[in-house]
Amino acid sequence: MSLKKQNLKSKPICKVTFKLPGEMIPEAKVAHIVGEFNSWDIYANPMKKLKDGSFTATLDLEQGREFQFRYLIDETDWKNDEAADRYERTPFGNDENSVVIT
């Protein structure tokens, strides 16, 4: 898993590329990036499956903010990002969300 950030100089946007490695989810057919930036809409940001089996998505996020997020694999399996800036406990039991700081 990885997060790559690029701040734009022309506007207050941070391009964040999220990547899930294929070896971590070898049987996955689809993956979505779900979080505060899309009101936790599980279908808003599908990730693109690459030839090596990994999934990637690049989102334009507002600079200077923190966003909680998770990956949803095949609409059933939630995963956090090991490269997240930090983690935040969810209000739903003992789960945690990944946090990206832009």
PDB file of N, CA and C in Angstrom:
ATOM      1  N   MET A   1       0.847  -1.161   0.000  1.00  0.00           N
ATOM      2  CA  MET A   1       0.000   0.000   0.000  1.00  0.00           C
ATOM      3  C   MET A   1       0.894   1.226   0.000  1.00  0.00           C
ATOM      4  N   SER A   2       0.383   2.236  -0.663  1.00  0.00           N
ATOM      5  CA  SER A   2       1.182   3.457  -0.667  1.00  0.00           C
ATOM      6  C   SER A   2       0.311   4.668  -0.931  1.00  0.00           C
ATOM      7  N   LEU A   3       0.826   5.791  -0.481  1.00  0.00           N
ATOM      8  CA  LEU A   3       0.214   7.090  -0.724  1.00  0.00           C
ATOM      9  C   LEU A   3       1.293   7.979  -1.326  1.00  0.00           C
ATOM     10  N   LYS A   4       0.974   8.606  -2.446  1.00  0.00           N
ATOM     11  CA  LYS A   4       1.903   9.554  -3.051  1.00  0.00           C
ATOM     12  C   LYS A   4       1.177  10.882  -3.157  1.00  0.00           C
ATOM     13  N   LYS A   5       1.790  11.947  -2.628  1.00  0.00           N
ATOM     14  CA  LYS A   5       1.145  13.258  -2.600  1.00  0.00           C
ATOM     15  C   LYS A   5       1.920  14.254  -3.451  1.00  0.00           C
ATOM     16  N   GLN A   6       1.162  15.087  -4.168  1.00  0.00           N
ATOM     17  CA  GLN A   6       1.774  16.158  -4.957  1.00  0.00           C
ATOM     18  C   GLN A   6       0.914  17.407  -4.814  1.00  0.00           C
ATOM     19  N   ASN A   7       1.476  18.436  -4.163  1.00  0.00           N
ATOM     20  CA  ASN A   7       0.754  19.700  -4.018  1.00  0.00           C
ATOM     21  C   ASN A   7       0.884  20.512  -5.298  1.00  0.00           C
ATOM     22  N   LEU A   8      -0.241  21.048  -5.763  1.00  0.00           N
ATOM     23  CA  LEU A   8      -0.229  21.899  -6.953  1.00  0.00           C
ATOM     24  C   LEU A   8       0.109  23.323  -6.544  1.00  0.00           C
ATOM     25  N   LYS A   9       0.897  23.986  -7.354  1.00  0.00           N
ATOM     26  CA  LYS A   9       1.253  25.377  -7.063  1.00  0.00           C
ATOM     27  C   LYS A   9       0.178  26.341  -7.545  1.00  0.00           C
ATOM     28  N   SER A  10      -0.586  25.948  -8.557  1.00  0.00           N
ATOM     29  CA  SER A  10      -1.566  26.846  -9.166  1.00  0.00           C
ATOM     30  C   SER A  10      -2.874  26.969  -8.380  1.00  0.00           C
ATOM     31  N   LYS A  11      -3.184  25.968  -7.541  1.00  0.00           N
ATOM     32  CA  LYS A  11      -4.406  26.008  -6.735  1.00  0.00           C
ATOM     33  C   LYS A  11      -4.215  25.156  -5.491  1.00  0.00           C
ATOM     34  N   PRO A  12      -5.051  25.339  -4.457  1.00  0.00           N
ATOM     35  CA  PRO A  12      -4.864  24.629  -3.183  1.00  0.00           C
ATOM     36  C   PRO A  12      -5.353  23.181  -3.236  1.00  0.00           C
ATOM     37  N   ILE A  13      -4.769  22.428  -4.129  1.00  0.00           N
ATOM     38  CA  ILE A  13      -5.142  21.026  -4.333  1.00  0.00           C
ATOM     39  C   ILE A  13      -3.913  20.147  -4.109  1.00  0.00           C
ATOM     40  N   CYS A  14      -4.137  19.008  -3.487  1.00  0.00           N
ATOM     41  CA  CYS A  14      -3.100  17.992  -3.333  1.00  0.00           C
ATOM     42  C   CYS A  14      -3.570  16.761  -4.106  1.00  0.00           C
ATOM     43  N   LYS A  15      -2.798  16.366  -5.109  1.00  0.00           N
ATOM     44  CA  LYS A  15      -3.115  15.141  -5.850  1.00  0.00           C
ATOM     45  C   LYS A  15      -2.571  13.970  -5.038  1.00  0.00           C
ATOM     46  N   VAL A  16      -3.459  13.085  -4.605  1.00  0.00           N
ATOM     47  CA  VAL A  16      -3.048  11.934  -3.810  1.00  0.00           C
ATOM     48  C   VAL A  16      -3.319  10.671  -4.616  1.00  0.00           C
ATOM     49  N   THR A  17      -2.261   9.898  -4.824  1.00  0.00           N
ATOM     50  CA  THR A  17      -2.393   8.617  -5.511  1.00  0.00           C
ATOM     51  C   THR A  17      -2.373   7.512  -4.462  1.00  0.00           C
ATOM     52  N   PHE A  18      -3.451   6.738  -4.437  1.00  0.00           N
ATOM     53  CA  PHE A  18      -3.615   5.617  -3.522  1.00  0.00           C
ATOM     54  C   PHE A  18      -3.320   4.343  -4.303  1.00  0.00           C
ATOM     55  N   LYS A  19      -2.558   3.417  -3.708  1.00  0.00           N
ATOM     56  CA  LYS A  19      -2.232   2.179  -4.417  1.00  0.00           C
ATOM     57  C   LYS A  19      -2.316   0.986  -3.476  1.00  0.00           C
ATOM     58  N   LEU A  20      -3.004  -0.047  -3.949  1.00  0.00           N
ATOM     59  CA  LEU A  20      -3.112  -1.320  -3.247  1.00  0.00           C
ATOM     60  C   LEU A  20      -2.316  -2.353  -4.039  1.00  0.00           C
ATOM     61  N   PRO A  21      -1.314  -3.001  -3.450  1.00  0.00           N
ATOM     62  CA  PRO A  21      -0.523  -3.988  -4.191  1.00  0.00           C
ATOM     63  C   PRO A  21      -1.316  -5.263  -4.467  1.00  0.00           C
ATOM     64  N   GLY A  22      -1.118  -5.821  -5.635  1.00  0.00           N
ATOM     65  CA  GLY A  22      -1.839  -7.022  -6.037  1.00  0.00           C
ATOM     66  C   GLY A  22      -1.576  -8.225  -5.151  1.00  0.00           C
ATOM     67  N   GLU A  23      -0.335  -8.357  -4.650  1.00  0.00           N
ATOM     68  CA  GLU A  23      -0.027  -9.529  -3.818  1.00  0.00           C
ATOM     69  C   GLU A  23      -0.778  -9.507  -2.489  1.00  0.00           C
ATOM     70  N   MET A  24      -1.235  -8.347  -2.084  1.00  0.00           N
ATOM     71  CA  MET A  24      -1.992  -8.252  -0.847  1.00  0.00           C
ATOM     72  C   MET A  24      -3.441  -8.713  -1.033  1.00  0.00           C
ATOM     73  N   ILE A  25      -3.951  -8.534  -2.239  1.00  0.00           N
ATOM     74  CA  ILE A  25      -5.349  -8.889  -2.547  1.00  0.00           C
ATOM     75  C   ILE A  25      -5.406  -9.646  -3.879  1.00  0.00           C
ATOM     76  N   PRO A  26      -4.750 -10.816  -3.952  1.00  0.00           N
ATOM     77  CA  PRO A  26      -4.593 -11.501  -5.245  1.00  0.00           C
ATOM     78  C   PRO A  26      -5.894 -11.924  -5.929  1.00  0.00           C
ATOM     79  N   GLU A  27      -6.941 -12.148  -5.168  1.00  0.00           N
ATOM     80  CA  GLU A  27      -8.204 -12.605  -5.757  1.00  0.00           C
ATOM     81  C   GLU A  27      -9.174 -11.462  -6.034  1.00  0.00           C
ATOM     82  N   ALA A  28      -8.804 -10.241  -5.713  1.00  0.00           N
ATOM     83  CA  ALA A  28      -9.724  -9.111  -5.826  1.00  0.00           C
ATOM     84  C   ALA A  28     -10.133  -8.827  -7.263  1.00  0.00           C
ATOM     85  N   LYS A  29     -11.415  -8.567  -7.431  1.00  0.00           N
ATOM     86  CA  LYS A  29     -11.943  -8.204  -8.742  1.00  0.00           C
ATOM     87  C   LYS A  29     -12.123  -6.694  -8.867  1.00  0.00           C
ATOM     88  N   VAL A  30     -12.570  -6.051  -7.778  1.00  0.00           N
ATOM     89  CA  VAL A  30     -12.761  -4.602  -7.768  1.00  0.00           C
ATOM     90  C   VAL A  30     -12.315  -4.033  -6.426  1.00  0.00           C
ATOM     91  N   ALA A  31     -11.938  -2.752  -6.457  1.00  0.00           N
ATOM     92  CA  ALA A  31     -11.570  -2.050  -5.226  1.00  0.00           C
ATOM     93  C   ALA A  31     -12.049  -0.604  -5.350  1.00  0.00           C
ATOM     94  N   HIS A  32     -12.428  -0.038  -4.226  1.00  0.00           N
ATOM     95  CA  HIS A  32     -12.874   1.356  -4.172  1.00  0.00           C
ATOM     96  C   HIS A  32     -12.148   2.056  -3.034  1.00  0.00           C
ATOM     97  N   ILE A  33     -11.878   3.334  -3.218  1.00  0.00           N
ATOM     98  CA  ILE A  33     -11.341   4.173  -2.152  1.00  0.00           C
ATOM     99  C   ILE A  33     -12.539   4.936  -1.583  1.00  0.00           C
ATOM    100  N   VAL A  34     -12.770   4.797  -0.282  1.00  0.00           N
ATOM    101  CA  VAL A  34     -13.977   5.320   0.352  1.00  0.00           C
ATOM    102  C   VAL A  34     -13.563   6.157   1.564  1.00  0.00           C
ATOM    103  N   GLY A  35     -14.123   7.369   1.676  1.00  0.00           N
ATOM    104  CA  GLY A  35     -13.745   8.185   2.823  1.00  0.00           C
ATOM    105  C   GLY A  35     -14.530   9.466   2.939  1.00  0.00           C
ATOM    106  N   GLU A  36     -14.021  10.335   3.805  1.00  0.00           N
ATOM    107  CA  GLU A  36     -14.685  11.613   4.050  1.00  0.00           C
ATOM    108  C   GLU A  36     -14.745  12.470   2.801  1.00  0.00           C
ATOM    109  N   PHE A  37     -13.778  12.325   1.909  1.00  0.00           N
ATOM    110  CA  PHE A  37     -13.734  13.135   0.687  1.00  0.00           C
ATOM    111  C   PHE A  37     -14.843  12.789  -0.289  1.00  0.00           C
ATOM    112  N   ASN A  38     -15.518  11.652  -0.120  1.00  0.00           N
ATOM    113  CA  ASN A  38     -16.640  11.299  -0.997  1.00  0.00           C
ATOM    114  C   ASN A  38     -17.870  10.898  -0.184  1.00  0.00           C
ATOM    115  N   SER A  39     -17.960  11.432   1.044  1.00  0.00           N
ATOM    116  CA  SER A  39     -19.096  11.170   1.945  1.00  0.00           C
ATOM    117  C   SER A  39     -19.316   9.678   2.188  1.00  0.00           C
ATOM    118  N   TRP A  40     -18.220   8.915   2.177  1.00  0.00           N
ATOM    119  CA  TRP A  40     -18.244   7.470   2.415  1.00  0.00           C
ATOM    120  C   TRP A  40     -19.131   6.729   1.408  1.00  0.00           C
ATOM    121  N   ASP A  41     -19.197   7.263   0.189  1.00  0.00           N
ATOM    122  CA  ASP A  41     -19.954   6.622  -0.896  1.00  0.00           C
ATOM    123  C   ASP A  41     -19.089   5.506  -1.473  1.00  0.00           C
ATOM    124  N   ILE A  42     -19.505   4.265  -1.276  1.00  0.00           N
ATOM    125  CA  ILE A  42     -18.663   3.139  -1.677  1.00  0.00           C
ATOM    126  C   ILE A  42     -18.485   3.003  -3.189  1.00  0.00           C
ATOM    127  N   TYR A  43     -19.280   3.692  -3.971  1.00  0.00           N
ATOM    128  CA  TYR A  43     -19.163   3.597  -5.430  1.00  0.00           C
ATOM    129  C   TYR A  43     -18.569   4.847  -6.076  1.00  0.00           C
ATOM    130  N   ALA A  44     -18.293   5.890  -5.292  1.00  0.00           N
ATOM    131  CA  ALA A  44     -17.870   7.180  -5.859  1.00  0.00           C
ATOM    132  C   ALA A  44     -16.495   7.128  -6.520  1.00  0.00           C
ATOM    133  N   ASN A  45     -15.565   6.343  -5.961  1.00  0.00           N
ATOM    134  CA  ASN A  45     -14.202   6.344  -6.477  1.00  0.00           C
ATOM    135  C   ASN A  45     -13.668   4.927  -6.691  1.00  0.00           C
ATOM    136  N   PRO A  46     -14.094   4.288  -7.796  1.00  0.00           N
ATOM    137  CA  PRO A  46     -13.536   2.966  -8.095  1.00  0.00           C
ATOM    138  C   PRO A  46     -12.050   3.102  -8.420  1.00  0.00           C
ATOM    139  N   MET A  47     -11.302   2.090  -8.065  1.00  0.00           N
ATOM    140  CA  MET A  47      -9.879   2.090  -8.360  1.00  0.00           C
ATOM    141  C   MET A  47      -9.640   1.313  -9.650  1.00  0.00           C
ATOM    142  N   LYS A  48      -8.596   1.692 -10.370  1.00  0.00           N
ATOM    143  CA  LYS A  48      -8.258   1.036 -11.635  1.00  0.00           C
ATOM    144  C   LYS A  48      -7.356  -0.155 -11.350  1.00  0.00           C
ATOM    145  N   LYS A  49      -7.727  -1.307 -11.911  1.00  0.00           N
ATOM    146  CA  LYS A  49      -6.902  -2.508 -11.749  1.00  0.00           C
ATOM    147  C   LYS A  49      -5.808  -2.499 -12.816  1.00  0.00           C
ATOM    148  N   LEU A  50      -4.573  -2.651 -12.385  1.00  0.00           N
ATOM    149  CA  LEU A  50      -3.432  -2.657 -13.288  1.00  0.00           C
ATOM    150  C   LEU A  50      -3.073  -4.090 -13.678  1.00  0.00           C
ATOM    151  N   LYS A  51      -2.234  -4.235 -14.698  1.00  0.00           N
ATOM    152  CA  LYS A  51      -1.862  -5.564 -15.197  1.00  0.00           C
ATOM    153  C   LYS A  51      -1.206  -6.437 -14.139  1.00  0.00           C
ATOM    154  N   ASP A  52      -0.492  -5.812 -13.196  1.00  0.00           N
ATOM    155  CA  ASP A  52       0.187  -6.586 -12.152  1.00  0.00           C
ATOM    156  C   ASP A  52      -0.756  -6.990 -11.013  1.00  0.00           C
ATOM    157  N   GLY A  53      -2.046  -6.663 -11.137  1.00  0.00           N
ATOM    158  CA  GLY A  53      -3.032  -7.031 -10.129  1.00  0.00           C
ATOM    159  C   GLY A  53      -3.240  -5.986  -9.053  1.00  0.00           C
ATOM    160  N   SER A  54      -2.431  -4.933  -9.071  1.00  0.00           N
ATOM    161  CA  SER A  54      -2.609  -3.863  -8.082  1.00  0.00           C
ATOM    162  C   SER A  54      -3.740  -2.935  -8.527  1.00  0.00           C
ATOM    163  N   PHE A  55      -4.204  -2.122  -7.591  1.00  0.00           N
ATOM    164  CA  PHE A  55      -5.261  -1.151  -7.861  1.00  0.00           C
ATOM    165  C   PHE A  55      -4.738   0.238  -7.529  1.00  0.00           C
ATOM    166  N   THR A  56      -5.155   1.240  -8.317  1.00  0.00           N
ATOM    167  CA  THR A  56      -4.714   2.603  -8.073  1.00  0.00           C
ATOM    168  C   THR A  56      -5.838   3.595  -8.359  1.00  0.00           C
ATOM    169  N   ALA A  57      -5.766   4.725  -7.670  1.00  0.00           N
ATOM    170  CA  ALA A  57      -6.702   5.835  -7.902  1.00  0.00           C
ATOM    171  C   ALA A  57      -6.014   7.120  -7.465  1.00  0.00           C
ATOM    172  N   THR A  58      -6.210   8.181  -8.238  1.00  0.00           N
ATOM    173  CA  THR A  58      -5.669   9.492  -7.885  1.00  0.00           C
ATOM    174  C   THR A  58      -6.827  10.452  -7.676  1.00  0.00           C
ATOM    175  N   LEU A  59      -6.819  11.119  -6.516  1.00  0.00           N
ATOM    176  CA  LEU A  59      -7.884  12.052  -6.168  1.00  0.00           C
ATOM    177  C   LEU A  59      -7.294  13.434  -5.927  1.00  0.00           C
ATOM    178  N   ASP A  60      -8.032  14.468  -6.310  1.00  0.00           N
ATOM    179  CA  ASP A  60      -7.674  15.850  -6.010  1.00  0.00           C
ATOM    180  C   ASP A  60      -8.331  16.229  -4.689  1.00  0.00           C
ATOM    181  N   LEU A  61      -7.519  16.408  -3.645  1.00  0.00           N
ATOM    182  CA  LEU A  61      -8.037  16.739  -2.323  1.00  0.00           C
ATOM    183  C   LEU A  61      -7.575  18.130  -1.915  1.00  0.00           C
ATOM    184  N   GLU A  62      -8.384  18.782  -1.119  1.00  0.00           N
ATOM    185  CA  GLU A  62      -8.064  20.124  -0.643  1.00  0.00           C
ATOM    186  C   GLU A  62      -6.819  20.078   0.252  1.00  0.00           C
ATOM    187  N   GLN A  63      -5.890  21.008   0.025  1.00  0.00           N
ATOM    188  CA  GLN A  63      -4.671  21.077   0.835  1.00  0.00           C
ATOM    189  C   GLN A  63      -4.981  21.518   2.262  1.00  0.00           C
ATOM    190  N   GLY A  64      -4.119  21.089   3.194  1.00  0.00           N
ATOM    191  CA  GLY A  64      -4.230  21.526   4.575  1.00  0.00           C
ATOM    192  C   GLY A  64      -5.341  20.871   5.366  1.00  0.00           C
ATOM    193  N   ARG A  65      -5.770  19.697   4.935  1.00  0.00           N
ATOM    194  CA  ARG A  65      -6.865  18.992   5.611  1.00  0.00           C
ATOM    195  C   ARG A  65      -6.454  17.575   5.952  1.00  0.00           C
ATOM    196  N   GLU A  66      -7.266  16.947   6.773  1.00  0.00           N
ATOM    197  CA  GLU A  66      -7.108  15.530   7.088  1.00  0.00           C
ATOM    198  C   GLU A  66      -8.374  14.815   6.640  1.00  0.00           C
ATOM    199  N   PHE A  67      -8.193  13.663   6.010  1.00  0.00           N
ATOM    200  CA  PHE A  67      -9.334  12.881   5.528  1.00  0.00           C
ATOM    201  C   PHE A  67      -9.198  11.443   6.015  1.00  0.00           C
ATOM    202  N   GLN A  68     -10.256  10.929   6.640  1.00  0.00           N
ATOM    203  CA  GLN A  68     -10.296   9.512   6.991  1.00  0.00           C
ATOM    204  C   GLN A  68     -10.747   8.737   5.763  1.00  0.00           C
ATOM    205  N   PHE A  69     -10.181   7.531   5.599  1.00  0.00           N
ATOM    206  CA  PHE A  69     -10.547   6.705   4.451  1.00  0.00           C
ATOM    207  C   PHE A  69     -10.219   5.238   4.723  1.00  0.00           C
ATOM    208  N   ARG A  70     -10.761   4.379   3.876  1.00  0.00           N
ATOM    209  CA  ARG A  70     -10.446   2.943   3.859  1.00  0.00           C
ATOM    210  C   ARG A  70     -10.609   2.452   2.432  1.00  0.00           C
ATOM    211  N   TYR A  71     -10.060   1.284   2.183  1.00  0.00           N
ATOM    212  CA  TYR A  71     -10.246   0.610   0.905  1.00  0.00           C
ATOM    213  C   TYR A  71     -11.343  -0.437   1.085  1.00  0.00           C
ATOM    214  N   LEU A  72     -12.197  -0.568   0.075  1.00  0.00           N
ATOM    215  CA  LEU A  72     -13.238  -1.601   0.087  1.00  0.00           C
ATOM    216  C   LEU A  72     -12.963  -2.552  -1.068  1.00  0.00           C
ATOM    217  N   ILE A  73     -12.673  -3.797  -0.739  1.00  0.00           N
ATOM    218  CA  ILE A  73     -12.315  -4.807  -1.723  1.00  0.00           C
ATOM    219  C   ILE A  73     -13.527  -5.697  -1.990  1.00  0.00           C
ATOM    220  N   ASP A  74     -13.885  -5.819  -3.260  1.00  0.00           N
ATOM    221  CA  ASP A  74     -15.007  -6.668  -3.688  1.00  0.00           C
ATOM    222  C   ASP A  74     -16.281  -6.425  -2.874  1.00  0.00           C
ATOM    223  N   GLU A  75     -16.480  -5.186  -2.448  1.00  0.00           N
ATOM    224  CA  GLU A  75     -17.676  -4.739  -1.729  1.00  0.00           C
ATOM    225  C   GLU A  75     -17.915  -5.453  -0.402  1.00  0.00           C
ATOM    226  N   THR A  76     -16.896  -6.169   0.116  1.00  0.00           N
ATOM    227  CA  THR A  76     -17.089  -6.897   1.377  1.00  0.00           C
ATOM    228  C   THR A  76     -15.947  -6.729   2.368  1.00  0.00           C
ATOM    229  N   ASP A  77     -14.739  -6.505   1.914  1.00  0.00           N
ATOM    230  CA  ASP A  77     -13.561  -6.535   2.775  1.00  0.00           C
ATOM    231  C   ASP A  77     -12.936  -5.146   2.895  1.00  0.00           C
ATOM    232  N   TRP A  78     -12.950  -4.585   4.105  1.00  0.00           N
ATOM    233  CA  TRP A  78     -12.376  -3.261   4.359  1.00  0.00           C
ATOM    234  C   TRP A  78     -10.914  -3.399   4.738  1.00  0.00           C
ATOM    235  N   LYS A  79     -10.059  -2.551   4.157  1.00  0.00           N
ATOM    236  CA  LYS A  79      -8.629  -2.559   4.471  1.00  0.00           C
ATOM    237  C   LYS A  79      -8.153  -1.141   4.741  1.00  0.00           C
ATOM    238  N   ASN A  80      -7.184  -1.028   5.649  1.00  0.00           N
ATOM    239  CA  ASN A  80      -6.526   0.247   5.903  1.00  0.00           C
ATOM    240  C   ASN A  80      -5.246   0.317   5.091  1.00  0.00           C
ATOM    241  N   ASP A  81      -4.694   1.505   5.003  1.00  0.00           N
ATOM    242  CA  ASP A  81      -3.450   1.715   4.273  1.00  0.00           C
ATOM    243  C   ASP A  81      -2.295   1.736   5.269  1.00  0.00           C
ATOM    244  N   GLU A  82      -1.334   0.837   5.086  1.00  0.00           N
ATOM    245  CA  GLU A  82      -0.179   0.771   5.988  1.00  0.00           C
ATOM    246  C   GLU A  82       0.670   2.037   5.904  1.00  0.00           C
ATOM    247  N   ALA A  83       0.548   2.789   4.817  1.00  0.00           N
ATOM    248  CA  ALA A  83       1.331   4.015   4.635  1.00  0.00           C
ATOM    249  C   ALA A  83       0.559   5.271   5.052  1.00  0.00           C
ATOM    250  N   ALA A  84      -0.573   5.094   5.722  1.00  0.00           N
ATOM    251  CA  ALA A  84      -1.378   6.249   6.152  1.00  0.00           C
ATOM    252  C   ALA A  84      -0.569   7.145   7.085  1.00  0.00           C
ATOM    253  N   ASP A  85      -0.925   8.422   7.104  1.00  0.00           N
ATOM    254  CA  ASP A  85      -0.244   9.370   7.978  1.00  0.00           C
ATOM    255  C   ASP A  85      -0.530   9.073   9.454  1.00  0.00           C
ATOM    256  N   ARG A  86      -1.716   8.571   9.726  1.00  0.00           N
ATOM    257  CA  ARG A  86      -2.084   8.121  11.069  1.00  0.00           C
ATOM    258  C   ARG A  86      -3.393   7.357  10.972  1.00  0.00           C
ATOM    259  N   TYR A  87      -3.907   6.905  12.114  1.00  0.00           N
ATOM    260  CA  TYR A  87      -5.159   6.151  12.160  1.00  0.00           C
ATOM    261  C   TYR A  87      -6.090   6.785  13.187  1.00  0.00           C
ATOM    262  N   GLU A  88      -7.381   6.657  12.941  1.00  0.00           N
ATOM    263  CA  GLU A  88      -8.401   7.243  13.808  1.00  0.00           C
ATOM    264  C   GLU A  88      -9.436   6.163  14.106  1.00  0.00           C
ATOM    265  N   ARG A  89      -9.739   5.972  15.384  1.00  0.00           N
ATOM    266  CA  ARG A  89     -10.753   4.977  15.764  1.00  0.00           C
ATOM    267  C   ARG A  89     -12.112   5.386  15.217  1.00  0.00           C
ATOM    268  N   THR A  90     -12.859   4.418  14.713  1.00  0.00           N
ATOM    269  CA  THR A  90     -14.193   4.696  14.189  1.00  0.00           C
ATOM    270  C   THR A  90     -15.208   4.637  15.326  1.00  0.00           C
ATOM    271  N   PRO A  91     -16.396   5.211  15.116  1.00  0.00           N
ATOM    272  CA  PRO A  91     -17.441   5.086  16.133  1.00  0.00           C
ATOM    273  C   PRO A  91     -18.106   3.716  16.112  1.00  0.00           C
ATOM    274  N   PHE A  92     -17.675   2.836  15.200  1.00  0.00           N
ATOM    275  CA  PHE A  92     -18.297   1.511  15.032  1.00  0.00           C
ATOM    276  C   PHE A  92     -17.398   0.418  15.583  1.00  0.00           C
ATOM    277  N   GLY A  93     -17.337   0.266  16.877  1.00  0.00           N
ATOM    278  CA  GLY A  93     -16.548  -0.816  17.466  1.00  0.00           C
ATOM    279  C   GLY A  93     -15.069  -0.501  17.537  1.00  0.00           C
ATOM    280  N   ASN A  94     -14.244  -1.516  17.330  1.00  0.00           N
ATOM    281  CA  ASN A  94     -12.802  -1.381  17.500  1.00  0.00           C
ATOM    282  C   ASN A  94     -12.060  -1.091  16.209  1.00  0.00           C
ATOM    283  N   ASP A  95     -12.752  -0.832  15.129  1.00  0.00           N
ATOM    284  CA  ASP A  95     -12.101  -0.568  13.851  1.00  0.00           C
ATOM    285  C   ASP A  95     -11.412   0.789  13.859  1.00  0.00           C
ATOM    286  N   GLU A  96     -10.435   0.917  12.958  1.00  0.00           N
ATOM    287  CA  GLU A  96      -9.769   2.187  12.742  1.00  0.00           C
ATOM    288  C   GLU A  96      -9.837   2.549  11.274  1.00  0.00           C
ATOM    289  N   ASN A  97      -9.844   3.843  10.991  1.00  0.00           N
ATOM    290  CA  ASN A  97      -9.746   4.341   9.624  1.00  0.00           C
ATOM    291  C   ASN A  97      -8.334   4.845   9.395  1.00  0.00           C
ATOM    292  N   SER A  98      -7.890   4.782   8.156  1.00  0.00           N
ATOM    293  CA  SER A  98      -6.645   5.412   7.763  1.00  0.00           C
ATOM    294  C   SER A  98      -6.903   6.915   7.641  1.00  0.00           C
ATOM    295  N   VAL A  99      -5.857   7.714   7.841  1.00  0.00           N
ATOM    296  CA  VAL A  99      -5.972   9.168   7.702  1.00  0.00           C
ATOM    297  C   VAL A  99      -4.863   9.639   6.766  1.00  0.00           C
ATOM    298  N   VAL A 100      -5.245  10.457   5.773  1.00  0.00           N
ATOM    299  CA  VAL A 100      -4.260  11.109   4.909  1.00  0.00           C
ATOM    300  C   VAL A 100      -4.312  12.599   5.219  1.00  0.00           C
ATOM    301  N   ILE A 101      -3.124  13.191   5.392  1.00  0.00           N
ATOM    302  CA  ILE A 101      -3.019  14.623   5.672  1.00  0.00           C
ATOM    303  C   ILE A 101      -2.453  15.292   4.421  1.00  0.00           C
ATOM    304  N   THR A 102      -3.208  16.245   3.888  1.00  0.00           N
ATOM    305  CA  THR A 102      -2.801  16.869   2.625  1.00  0.00           C
ATOM    306  C   THR A 102      -2.065  18.175   2.847  1.00  0.00           C
TER     307      THR A 102
END
